[in-house]
């Protein structure tokens, strides 16, 4: 309950400040505070995958930054109040999901297919709250992973390799997005000035747009694959081509790429390089032997599925018509990224083989762990 309340307050604070700072003839008496509150709750719900419906038009582009903030609030409160029991985890997760569903029902009553939407909302809320509450409990009491060795070695290797590659590629995509944001700082400033808002409203706008920066990072991952992304049907932002049309008057869209061709066509090589570096870095855990090849294959599968999921949750609709297509095209981006990562793993595998052939390289001996004898029988002493 605290996590839900704090999450709504995170939106309410800037929204109330922006509404109070707006000039009106009668001061704050003309402000519809209830409308501002409803708006804030619906933005909070949007972070949980609930469409923001206005006059029958659904806005479904989830602000992933706010989703991460909600998860962080859950983890922090769980660390303070939860106990190390499954019941505590279930109560915290279930209560949060129930409150999200209750807010969704109250906000979207009167719209069709409410039952199906509520079920989807419950699933998304559990997927957010479950891991977040578990992280909070683990941080407070520690975690026991004695069951991990029972998991197949190939699965463990695949998770380690695939997730490390995803993190590395996302980091590169975020840096590329930051570079384009810096290059487009003039367009961003012009967009803010065109809105004619006061400084406090500008701060609230900047905070709201910052919640979409994780989405922009995922879009830039699609850009790195060469497939690009779209902001409206018929548009394309890729290293090879830019086919831009009118975009909504959001200053953050000033950070979109405006150049293509030339050396930028080599952008997909960044994914190959990251995959190669990760493969070499994990050479001590995933060797070049045939027995470890299934782990590399599992890692590639984890990477492709993760990229596809990221692309799906970072895309959506920003309005009617052509704005129903905003983000990456999931299947082409996931498949292309898989081929690029496979090339990087192949190069890294080759480098590890070459390193093993270098003269003077000592082969690591297996580390033997000594297990104490608890049988109670004393060891034989030499005569």
Protein backbone atom coordinates (compact mmCIF):
# COMPACT_ATOMS: atom_id res chain seq x y z
CA UNK A 1 0.00 0.00 0.00
CA UNK A 2 2.86 2.37 0.77
CA UNK A 3 4.55 1.58 -2.54
CA UNK A 4 1.35 2.33 -4.47
CA UNK A 5 0.81 5.58 -2.56
CA UNK A 6 4.41 6.76 -3.01
CA UNK A 7 4.28 5.88 -6.70
CA UNK A 8 1.21 8.08 -7.21
CA UNK A 9 2.80 10.88 -5.16
CA UNK A 10 5.82 10.84 -7.48
CA UNK A 11 3.43 11.90 -10.25
CA UNK A 12 1.13 14.06 -8.14
CA UNK A 13 3.91 16.33 -6.88
CA UNK A 14 5.13 17.68 -10.25
CA UNK A 15 1.57 17.69 -11.64
CA UNK A 16 0.23 19.81 -8.76
CA UNK A 17 3.24 22.13 -8.95
CA UNK A 18 2.78 22.66 -12.69
CA UNK A 19 -0.98 23.24 -12.27
CA UNK A 20 -0.46 25.71 -9.41
CA UNK A 21 2.17 27.65 -11.38
CA UNK A 22 -0.08 28.05 -14.42
CA UNK A 23 -1.35 31.67 -14.59
CA UNK A 24 -5.12 32.02 -14.14
CA UNK A 25 -7.39 34.99 -13.57
CA UNK A 26 -8.73 33.75 -10.22
CA UNK A 27 -5.62 32.06 -8.91
CA UNK A 28 -5.86 28.48 -7.72
CA UNK A 29 -9.66 28.58 -7.52
CA UNK A 30 -9.89 27.88 -11.27
CA UNK A 31 -7.72 24.77 -11.06
CA UNK A 32 -9.54 21.47 -11.29
CA UNK A 33 -7.48 19.59 -8.71
CA UNK A 34 -9.56 16.44 -9.11
CA UNK A 35 -8.79 16.37 -12.84
CA UNK A 36 -5.08 16.74 -12.08
CA UNK A 37 -5.33 13.86 -9.59
CA UNK A 38 -7.11 11.63 -12.10
CA UNK A 39 -4.47 12.47 -14.69
CA UNK A 40 -1.68 11.53 -12.26
CA UNK A 41 -3.30 8.21 -11.36
CA UNK A 42 -3.73 7.32 -15.03
CA UNK A 43 -0.08 8.15 -15.73
CA UNK A 44 0.86 5.88 -12.82
CA UNK A 45 -1.32 3.17 -14.33
CA UNK A 46 0.28 3.69 -17.74
CA UNK A 47 3.60 2.69 -16.17
CA UNK A 48 1.92 -0.62 -15.32
CA UNK A 49 0.78 -1.27 -18.87
CA UNK A 50 -2.75 0.16 -18.51
CA UNK A 51 -3.66 2.12 -21.68
CA UNK A 52 -4.40 5.82 -21.21
CA UNK A 53 -7.73 6.19 -23.02
CA UNK A 54 -8.91 9.67 -24.07
CA UNK A 55 -12.10 9.95 -26.15
CA UNK A 56 -11.71 6.34 -27.23
CA UNK A 57 -8.07 6.83 -28.27
CA UNK A 58 -5.59 4.56 -26.46
CA UNK A 59 -2.09 5.73 -25.54
CA UNK A 60 -0.07 2.59 -24.81
CA UNK A 61 3.57 3.72 -24.88
CA UNK A 62 4.73 2.76 -21.38
CA UNK A 63 7.14 5.17 -19.62
CA UNK A 64 9.69 2.55 -18.63
CA UNK A 65 11.52 5.01 -16.39
CA UNK A 66 8.46 5.26 -14.17
CA UNK A 67 8.12 1.48 -14.20
CA UNK A 68 11.67 1.23 -12.86
CA UNK A 69 10.89 3.86 -10.21
CA UNK A 70 7.84 1.87 -9.07
CA UNK A 71 9.98 -1.27 -8.82
CA UNK A 72 12.65 0.60 -6.85
CA UNK A 73 10.03 1.91 -4.39
CA UNK A 74 8.70 -1.62 -3.92
CA UNK A 75 12.18 -3.01 -3.29
CA UNK A 76 13.03 -0.28 -0.77
CA UNK A 77 9.81 -0.74 1.24
CA UNK A 78 10.06 -4.54 1.11
CA UNK A 79 13.59 -4.30 2.47
CA UNK A 80 12.29 -2.30 5.42
CA UNK A 81 9.06 -4.14 6.27
CA UNK A 82 8.92 -7.63 4.74
CA UNK A 83 10.06 -10.76 6.50
CA UNK A 84 11.98 -13.62 4.93
CA UNK A 85 8.94 -15.79 4.26
CA UNK A 86 6.98 -16.76 1.18
CA UNK A 87 3.81 -15.49 2.86
CA UNK A 88 5.28 -12.01 3.30
CA UNK A 89 6.38 -11.95 -0.34
CA UNK A 90 2.96 -13.14 -1.53
CA UNK A 91 1.03 -10.63 0.59
CA UNK A 92 3.18 -7.71 -0.59
CA UNK A 93 3.01 -8.73 -4.24
CA UNK A 94 -0.70 -9.54 -4.15
CA UNK A 95 -1.65 -6.35 -2.33
CA UNK A 96 0.22 -4.18 -4.80
CA UNK A 97 -1.28 -5.99 -7.79
CA UNK A 98 -4.74 -5.70 -6.24
CA UNK A 99 -4.39 -1.94 -5.75
CA UNK A 100 -3.22 -1.48 -9.33
CA UNK A 101 -6.20 -3.49 -10.59
CA UNK A 102 -8.60 -1.51 -8.37
CA UNK A 103 -7.27 1.78 -9.73
CA UNK A 104 -7.54 0.42 -13.28
CA UNK A 105 -11.17 -0.61 -12.79
CA UNK A 106 -12.12 2.78 -11.31
CA UNK A 107 -10.30 4.71 -14.05
CA UNK A 108 -11.51 2.72 -17.05
CA UNK A 109 -15.03 1.78 -15.97
CA UNK A 110 -17.47 2.18 -18.81
CA UNK A 111 -14.96 1.07 -21.43
CA UNK A 112 -15.45 -2.28 -23.18
CA UNK A 113 -13.51 -5.46 -22.39
CA UNK A 114 -12.79 -4.32 -18.83
CA UNK A 115 -12.41 -7.86 -17.45
CA UNK A 116 -9.75 -8.82 -19.96
CA UNK A 117 -7.86 -5.55 -19.38
CA UNK A 118 -8.00 -6.10 -15.62
CA UNK A 119 -6.54 -9.59 -15.96
CA UNK A 120 -3.70 -8.23 -18.13
CA UNK A 121 -3.10 -5.47 -15.59
CA UNK A 122 -2.88 -8.03 -12.77
CA UNK A 123 -0.29 -10.06 -14.69
CA UNK A 124 1.85 -7.00 -15.43
CA UNK A 125 1.61 -5.78 -11.82
CA UNK A 126 2.73 -9.18 -10.51
CA UNK A 127 5.64 -9.23 -12.98
CA UNK A 128 6.75 -5.84 -11.63
CA UNK A 129 6.06 -6.37 -7.94
CA UNK A 130 7.18 -9.99 -7.61
CA UNK A 131 10.86 -9.54 -8.52
CA UNK A 132 11.04 -6.11 -6.84
CA UNK A 133 9.73 -7.41 -3.50
CA UNK A 134 12.06 -10.42 -3.74
CA UNK A 135 15.06 -8.12 -4.29
CA UNK A 136 14.07 -6.07 -1.23
CA UNK A 137 13.80 -9.19 0.94
CA UNK A 138 17.14 -10.49 -0.36
CA UNK A 139 18.86 -7.19 0.39
CA UNK A 140 17.52 -7.25 3.95
CA UNK A 141 18.10 -10.91 4.82
CA UNK A 142 20.38 -12.29 2.15
CA UNK A 143 19.52 -15.00 -0.35
CA UNK A 144 20.25 -18.69 -0.55
CA UNK A 145 20.98 -20.11 -3.99
CA UNK A 146 21.96 -23.62 -3.02
CA UNK A 147 19.65 -24.94 -5.74
CA UNK A 148 21.60 -23.24 -8.54
CA UNK A 149 24.12 -26.10 -9.06
CA UNK A 150 21.18 -28.40 -9.79
CA UNK A 151 20.32 -26.30 -12.85
CA UNK A 152 21.81 -27.49 -16.12
CA UNK A 153 25.28 -26.08 -16.80
CA UNK A 154 24.26 -25.00 -20.30
CA UNK A 155 21.33 -23.02 -18.89
CA UNK A 156 23.53 -21.26 -16.34
CA UNK A 157 26.14 -20.46 -18.96
CA UNK A 158 23.48 -19.24 -21.38
CA UNK A 159 21.88 -16.92 -18.85
CA UNK A 160 25.24 -15.46 -17.89
CA UNK A 161 26.37 -14.96 -21.50
CA UNK A 162 23.04 -13.73 -22.90
CA UNK A 163 22.20 -11.29 -20.11
CA UNK A 164 25.75 -9.87 -20.06
CA UNK A 165 25.48 -9.23 -23.79
CA UNK A 166 22.09 -7.54 -23.39
CA UNK A 167 23.47 -5.24 -20.68
CA UNK A 168 26.52 -4.38 -22.79
CA UNK A 169 24.52 -3.63 -25.93
CA UNK A 170 21.99 -1.54 -23.98
CA UNK A 171 24.84 0.46 -22.46
CA UNK A 172 26.22 1.21 -25.93
CA UNK A 173 22.73 2.12 -27.16
CA UNK A 174 22.27 4.51 -24.22
CA UNK A 175 25.59 6.20 -25.01
CA UNK A 176 24.58 6.58 -28.68
CA UNK A 177 21.24 8.02 -27.58
CA UNK A 178 23.08 10.45 -25.31
CA UNK A 179 25.25 11.59 -28.21
CA UNK A 180 22.21 12.24 -30.42
CA UNK A 181 20.56 14.07 -27.52
CA UNK A 182 23.58 16.34 -27.21
CA UNK A 183 23.63 16.98 -30.95
CA UNK A 184 19.91 17.78 -30.86
CA UNK A 185 20.03 20.04 -27.81
CA UNK A 186 19.15 23.05 -29.97
CA UNK A 187 16.03 21.36 -31.35
CA UNK A 188 15.04 20.28 -27.83
CA UNK A 189 15.36 23.87 -26.55
CA UNK A 190 13.37 25.19 -29.49
CA UNK A 191 10.61 22.67 -28.77
CA UNK A 192 10.42 23.77 -25.14
CA UNK A 193 10.26 27.45 -26.11
CA UNK A 194 7.50 26.76 -28.63
CA UNK A 195 5.30 25.37 -25.85
CA UNK A 196 5.49 28.69 -23.96
CA UNK A 197 5.49 27.13 -20.49
CA UNK A 198 6.83 28.62 -17.27
CA UNK A 199 10.03 27.33 -15.59
CA UNK A 200 8.16 25.14 -13.10
CA UNK A 201 6.05 23.64 -15.86
CA UNK A 202 9.21 23.14 -17.87
CA UNK A 203 10.72 21.20 -14.98
CA UNK A 204 7.63 18.98 -14.79
CA UNK A 205 7.80 18.45 -18.56
CA UNK A 206 11.48 17.55 -18.37
CA UNK A 207 10.78 15.09 -15.56
CA UNK A 208 7.96 13.49 -17.53
CA UNK A 209 10.08 13.15 -20.66
CA UNK A 210 12.98 11.71 -18.68
CA UNK A 211 10.70 8.78 -17.85
CA UNK A 212 10.84 7.83 -21.52
CA UNK A 213 14.64 7.77 -21.80
CA UNK A 214 14.77 3.96 -21.24
CA UNK A 215 12.38 3.63 -24.19
CA UNK A 216 14.71 5.78 -26.27
CA UNK A 217 17.65 3.54 -25.30
CA UNK A 218 15.77 0.47 -26.56
CA UNK A 219 14.93 2.32 -29.77
CA UNK A 220 18.61 3.07 -30.22
CA UNK A 221 19.31 -0.63 -29.77
CA UNK A 222 17.04 -1.16 -32.77
CA UNK A 223 19.01 1.58 -34.54
CA UNK A 224 22.27 -0.27 -33.81
CA UNK A 225 20.94 -3.41 -35.49
CA UNK A 226 20.45 -1.44 -38.70
CA UNK A 227 16.68 -2.09 -38.68
CA UNK A 228 15.99 1.23 -36.99
CA UNK A 229 12.79 2.39 -35.33
CA UNK A 230 9.77 4.48 -36.22
CA UNK A 231 7.96 7.41 -34.64
CA UNK A 232 4.76 7.21 -36.60
CA UNK A 233 3.72 4.93 -39.42
CA UNK A 234 5.81 5.48 -42.53
CA UNK A 235 8.79 6.96 -40.68
CA UNK A 236 12.15 5.29 -40.21
CA UNK A 237 15.27 6.20 -38.26
CA UNK A 238 18.16 3.89 -39.12
CA UNK A 239 21.90 4.19 -39.82
CA UNK A 240 21.27 3.71 -43.54
CA UNK A 241 18.21 5.87 -44.04
CA UNK A 242 16.02 8.45 -42.35
CA UNK A 243 12.46 8.84 -43.57
CA UNK A 244 11.00 11.32 -41.08
CA UNK A 245 7.56 12.87 -41.03
CA UNK A 246 5.86 15.23 -38.61
CA UNK A 247 6.27 14.07 -35.01
CA UNK A 248 4.36 15.12 -31.89
CA UNK A 249 5.46 18.38 -30.28
CA UNK A 250 7.45 16.66 -27.55
CA UNK A 251 10.87 18.25 -27.06
CA UNK A 252 12.45 14.84 -26.41
CA UNK A 253 11.93 14.00 -30.08
CA UNK A 254 14.60 16.58 -30.83
CA UNK A 255 17.03 13.86 -29.72
CA UNK A 256 16.11 11.63 -32.65
CA UNK A 257 18.86 10.98 -35.23
CA UNK A 258 19.03 13.44 -38.11
CA UNK A 259 21.97 11.94 -40.04
CA UNK A 260 22.45 8.64 -41.82
CA UNK A 261 24.78 6.96 -44.27
CA UNK A 262 28.55 7.23 -44.38
CA UNK A 263 30.36 5.60 -41.50
CA UNK A 264 27.07 5.17 -39.64
CA UNK A 265 26.26 2.14 -41.80
CA UNK A 266 28.86 0.30 -39.69
CA UNK A 267 26.81 0.84 -36.52
CA UNK A 268 25.78 -2.86 -36.32
CA UNK A 269 29.46 -3.70 -35.82
CA UNK A 270 29.04 -2.34 -32.28
CA UNK A 271 26.80 -5.29 -31.37
CA UNK A 272 29.36 -7.70 -32.87
CA UNK A 273 32.11 -6.04 -30.83
CA UNK A 274 30.14 -6.17 -27.57
CA UNK A 275 29.26 -9.84 -28.08
CA UNK A 276 32.89 -10.66 -28.85
CA UNK A 277 34.14 -8.84 -25.73
CA UNK A 278 31.58 -10.60 -23.52
CA UNK A 279 32.48 -13.98 -25.00
CA UNK A 280 36.19 -13.42 -24.35
CA UNK A 281 35.54 -12.04 -20.86
CA UNK A 282 33.60 -15.18 -19.95
CA UNK A 283 36.21 -17.48 -21.48
CA UNK A 284 37.13 -18.79 -18.05
CA UNK A 285 33.56 -19.95 -17.40
CA UNK A 286 32.55 -20.90 -20.95
CA UNK A 287 35.54 -22.57 -22.53
CA UNK A 288 36.16 -23.51 -26.16
CA UNK A 289 35.48 -27.19 -25.59
CA UNK A 290 32.63 -28.91 -27.41
CA UNK A 291 30.93 -29.54 -24.06
CA UNK A 292 30.44 -25.78 -23.57
CA UNK A 293 29.00 -25.07 -27.02
CA UNK A 294 25.40 -25.66 -25.82
CA UNK A 295 25.98 -22.87 -23.29
CA UNK A 296 26.90 -20.48 -26.13
CA UNK A 297 23.77 -21.49 -28.03
CA UNK A 298 21.64 -20.96 -24.94
CA UNK A 299 23.26 -17.55 -24.46
CA UNK A 300 22.34 -16.58 -28.00
CA UNK A 301 18.74 -17.67 -27.40
CA UNK A 302 18.57 -15.66 -24.15
CA UNK A 303 19.93 -12.61 -25.96
CA UNK A 304 17.42 -12.81 -28.84
CA UNK A 305 14.44 -13.35 -26.52
CA UNK A 306 15.56 -10.51 -24.23
CA UNK A 307 15.93 -8.08 -27.14
CA UNK A 308 12.50 -9.08 -28.42
CA UNK A 309 10.88 -8.54 -25.02
CA UNK A 310 12.59 -5.18 -24.57
CA UNK A 311 11.44 -4.08 -28.00
CA UNK A 312 7.86 -5.13 -27.25
CA UNK A 313 7.55 -3.31 -23.92
CA UNK A 314 9.33 -0.17 -25.19
CA UNK A 315 6.96 0.27 -28.14
CA UNK A 316 3.34 1.35 -28.32
CA UNK A 317 0.95 4.04 -29.47
CA UNK A 318 1.19 7.79 -28.88
CA UNK A 319 -2.13 8.63 -30.46
CA UNK A 320 -4.50 7.78 -33.29
CA UNK A 321 -3.69 7.09 -36.93
CA UNK A 322 -0.04 6.93 -37.85
CA UNK A 323 1.04 7.48 -34.22
CA UNK A 324 -0.19 4.00 -33.34
CA UNK A 325 3.23 2.75 -34.53
CA UNK A 326 6.00 4.06 -32.28
CA UNK A 327 9.13 2.05 -31.44
CA UNK A 328 10.90 -0.90 -33.00
CA UNK A 329 9.61 -3.74 -35.12
CA UNK A 330 10.20 -6.60 -32.72
CA UNK A 331 10.84 -9.63 -34.93
CA UNK A 332 13.30 -8.08 -37.43
CA UNK A 333 15.26 -6.35 -34.65
CA UNK A 334 15.45 -9.52 -32.51
CA UNK A 335 16.51 -11.76 -35.40
CA UNK A 336 19.08 -9.29 -36.75
CA UNK A 337 20.56 -8.72 -33.31
CA UNK A 338 20.83 -12.50 -32.94
CA UNK A 339 22.85 -12.85 -36.14
CA UNK A 340 25.13 -9.97 -35.10
CA UNK A 341 25.65 -11.45 -31.62
CA UNK A 342 26.35 -14.88 -33.15
CA UNK A 343 29.10 -13.28 -35.26
CA UNK A 344 30.57 -11.69 -32.13
CA UNK A 345 30.49 -14.98 -30.23
CA UNK A 346 32.19 -16.69 -33.17
CA UNK A 347 34.98 -14.09 -33.25
CA UNK A 348 35.40 -14.28 -29.48
CA UNK A 349 35.54 -18.07 -29.68
CA UNK A 350 38.26 -17.79 -32.31
CA UNK A 351 40.27 -15.37 -30.17
CA UNK A 352 40.09 -17.76 -27.23
CA UNK A 353 41.32 -20.61 -29.45
CA UNK A 354 44.23 -18.49 -30.68
CA UNK A 355 45.09 -17.46 -27.14
CA UNK A 356 45.19 -21.12 -26.11
CA UNK A 357 47.75 -21.83 -28.85
CA UNK A 358 50.15 -19.09 -27.79
CA UNK A 359 53.51 -20.46 -26.55
CA UNK A 360 54.15 -20.19 -22.86
CA UNK A 361 50.49 -19.99 -21.95
CA UNK A 362 49.93 -22.13 -18.91
CA UNK A 363 46.77 -24.16 -18.70
CA UNK A 364 44.82 -23.56 -15.52
CA UNK A 365 44.73 -26.56 -13.27
CA UNK A 366 41.36 -27.44 -11.78
CA UNK A 367 40.83 -26.09 -8.31
CA UNK A 368 40.19 -28.87 -5.81
CA UNK A 369 37.93 -28.09 -2.88
CA UNK A 370 38.71 -29.93 0.34
CA UNK A 371 35.62 -31.28 2.08
CA UNK A 372 36.15 -32.04 5.77
CA UNK A 373 35.54 -35.60 6.85
CA UNK A 374 32.56 -35.68 9.20
CA UNK A 375 32.43 -39.42 9.63
CA UNK A 376 34.03 -39.21 13.02
CA UNK A 377 36.68 -41.80 12.10
CA UNK A 378 40.18 -40.41 12.72
CA UNK A 379 42.58 -40.41 9.80
CA UNK A 380 45.27 -43.06 9.82
CA UNK A 381 48.58 -41.73 11.01
CA UNK A 382 51.76 -42.78 9.23
CA UNK A 383 53.89 -45.19 11.17
